[in-house]
Amino acid sequence: MSAGVEIEVRDLRKAWGDSVAVDGIGFTAEAGAFTVLLGPSGCGKSTTLRMIAGLEEATSGAVLIGSQNVTRQPPNARGISMVFQSYALFPHLNVAENILFGLKVRRVPAAERAARLQRTAGLLGLDGLLDRRPSQISGGQQQRVALGRAIISEKPICLMDEPLSNLDAKLRHEMRVELKTLQQKLGITMVYVTHDQVEAIAMADRIVVMKGGQIEQSADPRTLYQRPASVFVARFIGTPPMNILELAVGPAGGMISGDPTPVLPRSVVDDRDGGFQLGIRPEDIEIGQPGGITGTVEQVEYLGADQLVDCRIADQRVLIRAANRQPVAVGQRVSLTWGRDSLHLFDKRSGARIPATDERPVQAAGRTFQTNAETGAAGP
């Protein structure tokens, strides 16, 4: 297996007339790393992957693989393999023949094909299934066969377009673990497209979050969760999504609109133009501690070990993820508290994170924002 090579995307753009799918994006997928393109349907992530693969011609910009400009080269000259959402297995061929199909087309000698098949089947746990046809194996096993067809080519780059979306929840979890383990073992560069942030966080070394054909933020999963560069990223990363509350400024400081209790000191929100939004993750809110903001429970959703508690502060909805050992009832008035370092402050007009003076730079959508180096909290 070849070691992974770096992929660099420079100012890449794809348009069909007036319709722009990808709007001048740039990022680097490091050699041997697992990079995920994440975003909602229609954000341009699959189009970006197809331009990297050479299946879609870029309108402008460049794709570099191992420092070589491959923007105008055909797919077979780029040293890549690809796995699609559809398994695309030949129903009349058995597992071994499906895996070996590409090597036979390229006229790889029989002895080398047999050796590669043995290695690949061993890696994927397909040794006992090689004589079966696709209809005789499970969905998870069919996905392994599709992976095997990519791996056996021994290319340094593997591109994947939502390969697990056809599997049930249990199989998706198992395949996430297997994929990440396999990628690390082989040392290949993997670029993976998904709309599922759980998949992205579980597997990625770096996540490129996309929206409307542009990059909102590119960072490791922990940074995206702890220091989102925009409201969009804050809401897209995390389950359940971050609470975003309207913030009013009064003599005592920043307050949740409709409630008189200050939640941010005046020094944080003073001398800033425009409106503010406050972000708090559901898992960072505690119920029942004294000295908090009063909320009214409107709904409780049982999740087994946890419960999702819908509360209302004044006229704003707040979602809390809490342990089930703390029972609450609909209509109950509760005290809600959180740590200062759990708060995130955003500009209401742009949606961008409002930086603290001691925060490290964070790249997002071609802009530089700041994030708190010590706590990850927003502030001056």
Protein backbone atom coordinates (compact mmCIF):
# COMPACT_ATOMS: atom_id res chain seq x y z
CA MET A 1 0.00 0.00 0.00
CA SER A 2 1.28 3.41 -0.97
CA ALA A 3 1.65 6.02 1.75
CA GLY A 4 -0.87 8.86 1.62
CA VAL A 5 -0.12 12.08 -0.23
CA GLU A 6 -1.31 15.62 0.40
CA ILE A 7 -4.26 17.13 -1.45
CA GLU A 8 -4.44 20.90 -1.81
CA VAL A 9 -7.52 22.71 -3.12
CA ARG A 10 -6.87 26.29 -4.27
CA ASP A 11 -9.66 28.80 -4.93
CA LEU A 12 -11.79 26.04 -6.45
CA ARG A 13 -15.01 27.10 -8.16
CA LYS A 14 -17.75 25.25 -10.00
CA ALA A 15 -20.64 26.99 -11.74
CA TRP A 16 -23.28 26.06 -14.28
CA GLY A 17 -24.23 29.39 -15.82
CA ASP A 18 -25.53 31.58 -13.02
CA SER A 19 -25.77 28.66 -10.60
CA VAL A 20 -22.68 28.42 -8.37
CA ALA A 21 -22.17 25.11 -6.55
CA VAL A 22 -18.68 25.75 -5.16
CA ASP A 23 -17.54 29.34 -4.70
CA GLY A 24 -13.76 29.73 -4.57
CA ILE A 25 -12.87 27.43 -1.67
CA GLY A 26 -9.44 26.36 -0.46
CA PHE A 27 -8.21 23.76 2.04
CA THR A 28 -5.53 21.12 2.51
CA ALA A 29 -6.08 17.43 3.23
CA GLU A 30 -2.84 16.40 4.88
CA ALA A 31 -1.00 13.26 3.79
CA GLY A 32 -2.20 10.21 5.72
CA ALA A 33 -5.02 12.13 7.43
CA PHE A 34 -8.78 11.57 7.53
CA THR A 35 -10.44 14.75 6.22
CA VAL A 36 -14.23 15.14 6.19
CA LEU A 37 -16.28 17.53 4.05
CA LEU A 38 -19.38 18.21 6.15
CA GLY A 39 -22.51 20.21 5.45
CA PRO A 40 -26.21 20.08 4.56
CA SER A 41 -27.55 18.90 1.22
CA GLY A 42 -26.68 21.29 -1.60
CA CYS A 43 -23.69 22.90 0.13
CA GLY A 44 -21.20 21.75 -2.55
CA LYS A 45 -19.37 19.00 -0.67
CA SER A 46 -20.00 16.19 -3.18
CA THR A 47 -19.23 18.53 -6.10
CA THR A 48 -15.92 19.39 -4.41
CA LEU A 49 -15.10 15.69 -4.02
CA ARG A 50 -15.95 15.03 -7.65
CA MET A 51 -13.63 17.85 -8.75
CA ILE A 52 -10.83 16.35 -6.65
CA ALA A 53 -11.53 13.01 -8.32
CA GLY A 54 -11.65 14.52 -11.81
CA LEU A 55 -15.26 13.41 -12.37
CA GLU A 56 -16.35 17.06 -12.52
CA GLU A 57 -14.42 19.77 -14.35
CA ALA A 58 -13.58 22.84 -12.26
CA THR A 59 -14.72 26.20 -13.60
CA SER A 60 -11.63 27.82 -12.07
CA GLY A 61 -9.06 27.17 -9.37
CA ALA A 62 -6.74 24.23 -8.92
CA VAL A 63 -6.43 20.76 -7.38
CA LEU A 64 -2.92 19.69 -6.39
CA ILE A 65 -2.08 16.11 -5.42
CA GLY A 66 1.37 15.68 -3.95
CA SER A 67 2.28 19.22 -5.21
CA GLN A 68 1.37 18.24 -8.81
CA ASN A 69 -1.41 20.24 -10.48
CA VAL A 70 -3.95 17.65 -11.64
CA THR A 71 -6.86 20.04 -12.31
CA ARG A 72 -7.11 19.11 -15.99
CA GLN A 73 -5.96 15.51 -15.71
CA PRO A 74 -8.38 12.57 -16.09
CA PRO A 75 -9.35 10.51 -13.00
CA ASN A 76 -7.11 7.57 -13.90
CA ALA A 77 -4.04 9.83 -13.81
CA ARG A 78 -4.65 11.13 -10.26
CA GLY A 79 -3.68 8.10 -8.16
CA ILE A 80 -7.04 7.85 -6.41
CA SER A 81 -9.68 5.26 -5.57
CA MET A 82 -13.30 6.10 -4.80
CA VAL A 83 -16.23 4.64 -2.86
CA PHE A 84 -19.75 5.88 -3.61
CA GLN A 85 -23.01 5.89 -1.67
CA SER A 86 -24.25 3.07 -3.88
CA TYR A 87 -22.22 -0.12 -3.50
CA ALA A 88 -22.39 -0.64 -7.32
CA LEU A 89 -21.51 -4.33 -7.07
CA PHE A 90 -21.94 -6.68 -10.01
CA PRO A 91 -24.74 -9.08 -8.98
CA HIS A 92 -23.54 -11.89 -11.27
CA LEU A 93 -19.98 -11.86 -9.85
CA ASN A 94 -18.94 -13.27 -6.49
CA VAL A 95 -17.21 -11.23 -3.80
CA ALA A 96 -13.70 -12.08 -4.99
CA GLU A 97 -14.52 -11.21 -8.60
CA ASN A 98 -16.11 -7.91 -7.57
CA ILE A 99 -13.02 -6.93 -5.58
CA LEU A 100 -10.65 -7.97 -8.36
CA PHE A 101 -12.59 -6.42 -11.23
CA GLY A 102 -10.51 -3.24 -11.51
CA LEU A 103 -7.22 -5.14 -11.41
CA LYS A 104 -8.39 -7.45 -14.19
CA VAL A 105 -9.38 -4.49 -16.36
CA ARG A 106 -5.88 -3.04 -15.83
CA ARG A 107 -4.37 -6.46 -16.66
CA VAL A 108 -2.53 -6.89 -13.37
CA PRO A 109 -0.81 -10.33 -13.39
CA ALA A 110 -2.80 -13.17 -11.79
CA ALA A 111 -0.22 -13.90 -9.07
CA GLU A 112 -0.22 -10.28 -7.91
CA ARG A 113 -4.03 -10.18 -8.01
CA ALA A 114 -4.21 -13.23 -5.77
CA ALA A 115 -1.72 -11.78 -3.27
CA ARG A 116 -3.56 -8.45 -3.11
CA LEU A 117 -6.91 -10.22 -2.71
CA GLN A 118 -5.60 -12.22 0.22
CA ARG A 119 -4.30 -9.07 1.95
CA THR A 120 -7.48 -7.08 1.30
CA ALA A 121 -9.87 -9.84 2.36
CA GLY A 122 -7.88 -10.31 5.56
CA LEU A 123 -8.02 -6.59 6.37
CA LEU A 124 -11.78 -6.44 5.87
CA GLY A 125 -12.77 -9.79 7.35
CA LEU A 126 -14.07 -11.12 4.03
CA ASP A 127 -12.01 -14.31 3.88
CA GLY A 128 -15.00 -16.61 4.33
CA LEU A 129 -17.25 -14.75 1.91
CA LEU A 130 -15.20 -14.66 -1.28
CA ASP A 131 -17.32 -17.28 -3.10
CA ARG A 132 -20.67 -15.64 -2.27
CA ARG A 133 -22.60 -13.26 -4.49
CA PRO A 134 -23.76 -9.81 -3.30
CA SER A 135 -27.34 -11.04 -2.79
CA GLN A 136 -26.04 -13.63 -0.31
CA ILE A 137 -24.34 -11.18 2.06
CA SER A 138 -25.55 -8.37 4.35
CA GLY A 139 -25.52 -4.64 3.66
CA GLY A 140 -22.50 -4.14 5.91
CA GLN A 141 -20.64 -6.92 4.13
CA GLN A 142 -21.55 -5.42 0.74
CA GLN A 143 -20.07 -2.12 1.92
CA ARG A 144 -16.86 -3.95 2.88
CA VAL A 145 -16.72 -5.41 -0.62
CA ALA A 146 -17.02 -1.91 -2.10
CA LEU A 147 -14.23 -0.77 0.23
CA GLY A 148 -12.17 -3.79 -0.77
CA ARG A 149 -12.46 -2.85 -4.44
CA ALA A 150 -11.00 0.58 -3.57
CA ILE A 151 -8.31 -0.69 -1.20
CA ILE A 152 -7.02 -3.44 -3.50
CA SER A 153 -6.01 -0.80 -6.05
CA GLU A 154 -3.40 0.33 -3.48
CA LYS A 155 -3.78 4.00 -4.35
CA PRO A 156 -2.46 6.59 -1.85
CA ILE A 157 -5.79 8.48 -1.80
CA CYS A 158 -9.30 7.19 -1.17
CA LEU A 159 -12.32 9.45 -1.74
CA MET A 160 -15.66 8.49 -0.17
CA ASP A 161 -19.06 10.00 -0.95
CA GLU A 162 -21.50 9.20 1.91
CA PRO A 163 -20.66 5.47 1.84
CA LEU A 164 -22.53 4.56 5.04
CA SER A 165 -25.85 6.32 4.44
CA ASN A 166 -27.60 3.09 3.32
CA LEU A 167 -26.75 1.25 6.55
CA ASP A 168 -28.78 1.10 9.76
CA ALA A 169 -27.57 2.89 12.91
CA LYS A 170 -25.78 -0.12 14.44
CA LEU A 171 -23.96 -0.99 11.23
CA ARG A 172 -23.00 2.66 10.67
CA HIS A 173 -21.35 2.75 14.10
CA GLU A 174 -19.46 -0.48 13.43
CA MET A 175 -18.33 0.69 10.00
CA ARG A 176 -17.18 4.08 11.38
CA VAL A 177 -14.87 2.28 13.79
CA GLU A 178 -13.63 -0.07 11.07
CA LEU A 179 -13.07 2.73 8.54
CA LYS A 180 -11.01 4.84 10.91
CA THR A 181 -8.95 1.84 12.04
CA LEU A 182 -8.38 0.80 8.44
CA GLN A 183 -7.34 4.30 7.36
CA GLN A 184 -4.82 4.55 10.20
CA LYS A 185 -3.46 1.07 9.52
CA LEU A 186 -2.98 1.73 5.79
CA GLY A 187 -1.74 5.33 6.19
CA ILE A 188 -3.72 6.52 3.16
CA THR A 189 -5.14 10.00 2.67
CA MET A 190 -8.91 9.80 2.99
CA VAL A 191 -11.40 12.51 2.03
CA TYR A 192 -14.91 11.65 3.17
CA VAL A 193 -18.20 13.44 2.38
CA THR A 194 -21.14 13.33 4.80
CA HIS A 195 -24.04 15.41 6.11
CA ASP A 196 -23.91 13.49 9.42
CA GLN A 197 -21.93 15.46 12.02
CA VAL A 198 -21.72 12.37 14.30
CA GLU A 199 -19.85 10.51 11.55
CA ALA A 200 -17.59 13.50 10.99
CA ILE A 201 -16.70 14.02 14.65
CA ALA A 202 -16.16 10.30 15.26
CA MET A 203 -13.73 9.74 12.38
CA ALA A 204 -12.10 12.96 11.21
CA ASP A 205 -8.69 14.41 11.91
CA ARG A 206 -9.98 17.60 10.26
CA ILE A 207 -13.48 18.70 9.30
CA VAL A 208 -14.23 21.22 6.56
CA VAL A 209 -17.70 22.62 7.28
CA MET A 210 -19.41 23.92 4.15
CA LYS A 211 -22.47 26.10 3.57
CA GLY A 212 -23.76 27.50 0.29
CA GLY A 213 -20.65 26.51 -1.67
CA GLN A 214 -18.25 28.13 0.79
CA ILE A 215 -16.23 27.01 3.81
CA GLU A 216 -17.62 28.17 7.16
CA GLN A 217 -14.77 26.70 9.22
CA SER A 218 -11.97 24.17 8.82
CA ALA A 219 -10.57 22.68 12.03
CA ASP A 220 -10.20 19.55 14.13
CA PRO A 221 -13.42 18.22 15.73
CA ARG A 222 -12.60 19.51 19.23
CA THR A 223 -12.03 23.06 17.99
CA LEU A 224 -15.26 23.03 16.00
CA TYR A 225 -17.19 21.93 19.07
CA GLN A 226 -15.50 24.18 21.62
CA ARG A 227 -14.88 27.30 19.50
CA PRO A 228 -17.29 27.44 16.54
CA ALA A 229 -16.51 30.36 14.25
CA SER A 230 -20.14 31.10 13.39
CA VAL A 231 -23.72 30.44 14.45
CA PHE A 232 -24.04 28.00 11.54
CA VAL A 233 -21.12 25.87 12.78
CA ALA A 234 -22.32 26.14 16.39
CA ARG A 235 -25.74 24.78 15.41
CA PHE A 236 -24.42 22.16 12.97
CA ILE A 237 -21.85 20.61 15.32
CA GLY A 238 -23.23 19.00 18.47
CA THR A 239 -26.23 16.84 19.37
CA PRO A 240 -28.62 18.40 20.26
CA PRO A 241 -27.53 21.66 18.57
CA MET A 242 -26.36 24.69 20.52
CA ASN A 243 -29.00 27.03 21.96
CA ILE A 244 -28.79 30.45 20.29
CA LEU A 245 -30.50 33.18 22.35
CA GLU A 246 -31.16 36.82 21.61
CA LEU A 247 -29.14 39.06 23.91
CA ALA A 248 -30.11 42.51 25.14
CA VAL A 249 -27.72 45.05 26.68
CA GLY A 250 -28.71 46.90 29.86
CA PRO A 251 -26.99 48.87 32.61
CA ALA A 252 -25.89 45.66 34.36
CA GLY A 253 -24.55 43.99 31.20
CA GLY A 254 -25.81 41.43 28.70
CA MET A 255 -29.16 39.79 29.43
CA ILE A 256 -31.24 37.15 27.68
CA SER A 257 -33.96 39.18 25.97
CA GLY A 258 -37.06 39.30 28.16
CA ASP A 259 -35.26 38.34 31.37
CA PRO A 260 -33.67 40.94 33.71
CA THR A 261 -30.87 38.69 35.02
CA PRO A 262 -27.43 39.68 33.65
CA VAL A 263 -25.52 36.77 32.09
CA LEU A 264 -22.50 38.71 30.79
CA PRO A 265 -20.72 41.64 32.42
CA ARG A 266 -21.05 45.06 30.88
CA SER A 267 -17.37 45.02 29.90
CA VAL A 268 -18.02 42.11 27.53
CA VAL A 269 -20.82 43.74 25.52
CA ASP A 270 -19.81 47.39 25.88
CA ASP A 271 -18.35 49.39 22.99
CA ARG A 272 -19.54 46.96 20.32
CA ASP A 273 -21.75 47.87 17.40
CA GLY A 274 -24.86 45.88 16.50
CA GLY A 275 -26.81 43.12 18.21
CA PHE A 276 -25.62 39.98 19.92
CA GLN A 277 -26.59 36.34 20.18
CA LEU A 278 -25.60 34.08 23.04
CA GLY A 279 -24.73 30.43 22.49
CA ILE A 280 -25.00 27.75 25.20
CA ARG A 281 -24.77 24.02 24.57
CA PRO A 282 -27.60 21.91 26.08
CA GLU A 283 -25.12 19.72 27.96
CA ASP A 284 -23.52 22.75 29.64
CA ILE A 285 -26.73 23.84 31.38
CA GLU A 286 -27.49 22.56 34.89
CA ILE A 287 -30.95 22.32 36.42
CA GLY A 288 -31.72 23.10 40.05
CA GLN A 289 -28.59 24.90 41.19
CA PRO A 290 -29.35 28.07 43.21
CA GLY A 291 -28.76 31.56 41.82
CA GLY A 292 -29.65 30.79 38.23
CA ILE A 293 -32.13 32.08 35.69
CA THR A 294 -35.69 30.87 36.11
CA GLY A 295 -37.16 28.79 33.30
CA THR A 296 -40.43 26.92 32.84
CA VAL A 297 -40.37 23.27 31.70
CA GLU A 298 -42.51 22.77 28.60
CA GLN A 299 -41.56 19.26 27.49
CA VAL A 300 -39.41 16.34 28.65
CA GLU A 301 -38.09 13.74 26.21
CA TYR A 302 -36.82 10.49 27.72
CA LEU A 303 -33.60 9.14 26.13
CA GLY A 304 -32.65 6.38 28.56
CA ALA A 305 -29.59 7.57 30.45
CA ASP A 306 -30.36 11.19 29.54
CA GLN A 307 -33.39 13.40 29.09
CA LEU A 308 -33.96 16.41 26.86
CA VAL A 309 -35.74 19.16 28.75
CA ASP A 310 -37.43 21.93 26.80
CA CYS A 311 -37.59 25.10 28.88
CA ARG A 312 -38.65 28.66 28.22
CA ILE A 313 -36.84 31.73 29.54
CA ALA A 314 -39.16 34.67 28.98
CA ASP A 315 -40.20 34.12 25.34
CA GLN A 316 -37.11 32.14 24.29
CA ARG A 317 -36.79 28.37 24.08
CA VAL A 318 -33.84 26.63 25.76
CA LEU A 319 -33.00 22.95 25.40
CA ILE A 320 -31.14 21.15 28.21
CA ARG A 321 -29.54 17.72 28.11
CA ALA A 322 -29.59 16.37 31.67
CA ALA A 323 -29.18 13.07 33.51
CA ASN A 324 -32.37 11.17 34.28
CA ARG A 325 -31.50 11.01 37.98
CA GLN A 326 -32.83 14.57 38.23
CA PRO A 327 -36.59 14.30 37.59
CA VAL A 328 -38.44 17.32 36.22
CA ALA A 329 -42.07 17.74 35.24
CA VAL A 330 -43.90 19.75 32.61
CA GLY A 331 -44.94 23.12 34.02
CA GLN A 332 -42.26 23.09 36.73
CA ARG A 333 -40.25 26.28 37.28
CA VAL A 334 -36.55 25.49 37.53
CA SER A 335 -33.28 27.35 38.11
CA LEU A 336 -30.87 27.12 35.16
CA THR A 337 -27.14 27.72 35.60
CA TRP A 338 -23.99 27.41 33.49
CA GLY A 339 -20.31 28.24 33.72
CA ARG A 340 -18.90 31.46 32.26
CA ASP A 341 -16.59 29.42 30.05
CA SER A 342 -19.60 27.66 28.51
CA LEU A 343 -20.87 30.82 26.80
CA HIS A 344 -20.29 31.79 23.17
CA LEU A 345 -21.01 35.26 21.80
CA PHE A 346 -21.96 35.91 18.16
CA ASP A 347 -22.66 38.96 16.04
CA LYS A 348 -26.37 38.96 15.21
CA ARG A 349 -25.97 40.44 11.74
CA SER A 350 -23.10 38.35 10.37
CA GLY A 351 -23.44 35.28 12.58
CA ALA A 352 -19.67 35.41 13.20
CA ARG A 353 -18.11 34.62 16.55
CA ILE A 354 -17.23 37.73 18.57
CA PRO A 355 -13.62 37.32 19.69
CA ALA A 356 -11.96 37.71 23.05
CA THR A 357 -8.71 39.68 23.17
CA ASP A 358 -6.74 36.63 24.37
CA GLU A 359 -8.10 34.22 21.80
CA ARG A 360 -6.11 32.34 19.18
CA PRO A 361 -6.99 32.88 15.51
CA VAL A 362 -9.53 30.56 13.92
CA GLN A 363 -9.91 30.38 10.15
CA ALA A 364 -13.47 30.45 8.88
CA ALA A 365 -14.85 31.21 5.45
CA GLY A 366 -11.72 33.08 4.43
CA ARG A 367 -11.90 35.34 7.48
CA THR A 368 -9.90 35.22 10.69
CA PHE A 369 -11.81 35.12 13.96
CA GLN A 370 -10.39 34.73 17.46
CA THR A 371 -11.13 32.06 20.05
CA ASN A 372 -10.29 32.01 23.71
CA ALA A 373 -7.08 30.07 24.15
CA GLU A 374 -7.80 29.11 27.73
CA THR A 375 -11.56 28.56 28.00
CA GLY A 376 -13.04 28.64 24.51
CA ALA A 377 -15.56 31.23 25.71
CA ALA A 378 -16.48 34.32 23.76
CA GLY A 379 -15.81 37.72 25.21
CA PRO A 380 -13.67 40.83 24.87
